[in-house]
C-alpha atoms as a PDB file:
ATOM      1  CA  MET A   1      11.958  23.936  37.687  1.00  0.00           C
ATOM      2  CA  GLU A   2      10.876  24.849  34.180  1.00  0.00           C
ATOM      3  CA  HIS A   3      14.333  24.041  32.784  1.00  0.00           C
ATOM      4  CA  LEU A   4      14.250  20.646  34.471  1.00  0.00           C
ATOM      5  CA  PHE A   5      10.851  19.866  32.948  1.00  0.00           C
ATOM      6  CA  LEU A   6      12.029  20.906  29.490  1.00  0.00           C
ATOM      7  CA  THR A   7      15.223  18.844  29.840  1.00  0.00           C
ATOM      8  CA  LEU A   8      13.296  15.760  30.958  1.00  0.00           C
ATOM      9  CA  PHE A   9      10.788  16.194  28.138  1.00  0.00           C
ATOM     10  CA  LEU A  10      13.496  16.450  25.493  1.00  0.00           C
ATOM     11  CA  ALA A  11      15.418  13.526  27.009  1.00  0.00           C
ATOM     12  CA  SER A  12      12.320  11.326  27.019  1.00  0.00           C
ATOM     13  CA  PHE A  13      11.557  12.292  23.407  1.00  0.00           C
ATOM     14  CA  ALA A  14      15.125  11.451  22.377  1.00  0.00           C
ATOM     15  CA  GLY A  15      14.875   8.163  24.269  1.00  0.00           C
ATOM     16  CA  LEU A  16      11.671   7.201  22.473  1.00  0.00           C
ATOM     17  CA  TYR A  17      13.218   8.051  19.128  1.00  0.00           C
ATOM     18  CA  TYR A  18      16.260   5.933  19.997  1.00  0.00           C
ATOM     19  CA  LEU A  19      13.967   3.068  21.018  1.00  0.00           C
ATOM     20  CA  ALA A  20      12.162   3.326  17.668  1.00  0.00           C
ATOM     21  CA  PHE A  21      15.557   3.283  15.933  1.00  0.00           C
ATOM     22  CA  ARG A  22      16.633   0.148  17.818  1.00  0.00           C
ATOM     23  CA  ILE A  23      13.357  -1.630  17.022  1.00  0.00           C
ATOM     24  CA  ASP A  24      13.767  -0.646  13.367  1.00  0.00           C
ATOM     25  CA  THR A  25      17.251  -2.105  13.150  1.00  0.00           C
ATOM     26  CA  THR A  26      16.717  -5.268  15.200  1.00  0.00           C
ATOM     27  CA  ARG A  27      13.242  -6.353  14.110  1.00  0.00           C
ATOM     28  CA  GLY A  28      12.899  -4.709  10.717  1.00  0.00           C
ATOM     29  CA  TRP A  29       9.913  -2.600  11.714  1.00  0.00           C
ATOM     30  CA  GLN A  30       9.430   0.728  10.007  1.00  0.00           C
ATOM     31  CA  LEU A  31       8.490   2.843  13.007  1.00  0.00           C
ATOM     32  CA  ARG A  32      10.482   5.916  11.996  1.00  0.00           C
ATOM     33  CA  ALA A  33       9.041   5.815   8.480  1.00  0.00           C
ATOM     34  CA  TRP A  34       5.570   5.341   9.964  1.00  0.00           C
ATOM     35  CA  LEU A  35       6.047   8.310  12.297  1.00  0.00           C
ATOM     36  CA  ASN A  36       7.122  10.393   9.288  1.00  0.00           C
ATOM     37  CA  GLY A  37       4.053   9.291   7.311  1.00  0.00           C
ATOM     38  CA  GLU A  38       5.944   7.329   4.675  1.00  0.00           C
ATOM     39  CA  VAL A  39       4.217   3.949   5.181  1.00  0.00           C
ATOM     40  CA  ARG A  40       0.752   2.875   6.279  1.00  0.00           C
ATOM     41  CA  ASP A  41       1.721   0.035   8.592  1.00  0.00           C
ATOM     42  CA  PRO A  42       5.008  -0.152  10.516  1.00  0.00           C
ATOM     43  CA  ARG A  43       5.028  -3.948  10.710  1.00  0.00           C
ATOM     44  CA  PRO A  44       7.303  -5.665   8.180  1.00  0.00           C
ATOM     45  CA  GLY A  45       5.610  -7.259   5.200  1.00  0.00           C
ATOM     46  CA  CYS A  46       2.273  -5.550   5.735  1.00  0.00           C
ATOM     47  CA  ASN A  47       2.702  -3.260   2.752  1.00  0.00           C
ATOM     48  CA  LYS A  48       3.377  -6.121   0.318  1.00  0.00           C
ATOM     49  CA  PRO A  49      -0.291  -7.102  -0.153  1.00  0.00           C
ATOM     50  CA  GLN A  50      -0.887  -3.655  -1.649  1.00  0.00           C
ATOM     51  CA  SER A  51       1.494  -4.415  -4.492  1.00  0.00           C
ATOM     52  CA  LYS A  52      -0.179  -7.800  -4.964  1.00  0.00           C
ATOM     53  CA  LYS A  53      -3.571  -6.083  -5.126  1.00  0.00           C
ATOM     54  CA  ASN A  54      -2.222  -3.565  -7.615  1.00  0.00           C
ATOM     55  CA  ASP A  55      -0.960  -6.411  -9.818  1.00  0.00           C
ATOM     56  CA  GLN A  56      -4.357  -8.111  -9.667  1.00  0.00           C
ATOM     57  CA  ILE A  57      -6.127  -4.858 -10.532  1.00  0.00           C
ATOM     58  CA  ALA A  58      -3.818  -4.311 -13.522  1.00  0.00           C
ATOM     59  CA  GLU A  59      -4.463  -7.877 -14.715  1.00  0.00           C
ATOM     60  CA  LEU A  60      -8.227  -7.432 -14.415  1.00  0.00           C
ATOM     61  CA  LYS A  61      -8.079  -4.149 -16.328  1.00  0.00           C
ATOM     62  CA  LYS A  62      -6.289  -5.915 -19.181  1.00  0.00           C
ATOM     63  CA  ARG A  63      -8.937  -8.641 -19.224  1.00  0.00           C
ATOM     64  CA  ILE A  64     -11.717  -6.034 -19.314  1.00  0.00           C
ATOM     65  CA  GLU A  65     -10.032  -4.313 -22.258  1.00  0.00           C
ATOM     66  CA  VAL A  66      -9.933  -7.614 -24.154  1.00  0.00           C
ATOM     67  CA  LEU A  67     -13.602  -8.298 -23.391  1.00  0.00           C
ATOM     68  CA  GLU A  68     -14.585  -4.797 -24.481  1.00  0.00           C
ATOM     69  CA  ALA A  69     -12.695  -5.288 -27.736  1.00  0.00           C
ATOM     70  CA  ILE A  70     -14.549  -8.544 -28.362  1.00  0.00           C
ATOM     71  CA  VAL A  71     -17.981  -7.123 -27.538  1.00  0.00           C
ATOM     72  CA  THR A  72     -17.539  -3.939 -29.561  1.00  0.00           C
ATOM     73  CA  GLU A  73     -16.302  -5.875 -32.576  1.00  0.00           C
ATOM     74  CA  PRO A  74     -18.826  -5.580 -35.457  1.00  0.00           C
ATOM     75  CA  GLY A  75     -18.835  -9.334 -36.103  1.00  0.00           C
ATOM     76  CA  TYR A  76     -19.890 -10.016 -32.510  1.00  0.00           C
ATOM     77  CA  SER A  77     -23.251  -8.261 -32.834  1.00  0.00           C
ATOM     78  CA  ILE A  78     -23.975  -9.998 -36.143  1.00  0.00           C
ATOM     79  CA  ASP A  79     -23.124 -13.353 -34.558  1.00  0.00           C
ATOM     80  CA  GLN A  80     -25.499 -12.609 -31.681  1.00  0.00           C
ATOM     81  CA  GLN A  81     -28.311 -11.721 -34.084  1.00  0.00           C
ATOM     82  CA  ILE A  82     -27.765 -14.947 -36.019  1.00  0.00           C
ATOM     83  CA  ARG A  83     -27.874 -16.966 -32.803  1.00  0.00           C
ATOM     84  CA  ARG A  84     -31.197 -15.352 -31.843  1.00  0.00           C
ATOM     85  CA  LEU A  85     -32.780 -16.528 -35.067  1.00  0.00           C
END
């Protein structure tokens, strides 16, 4: 009885893995990668917004660097003092 249970358990596990493989190949899902911890979301295209966010963050960092360079420029503080007068 114990051998039968073990055989059925291993067969069902292999069947589920095969089903995940078939879904991966037919629909483009990343179930096997998701089960292995390689991606956050197994649905196709769901990981693309992360790269878009990373591009936006990099662009904003560049803009902040430019603004910091302008504000820390010595002529900027003198110009501000002149404007106050």
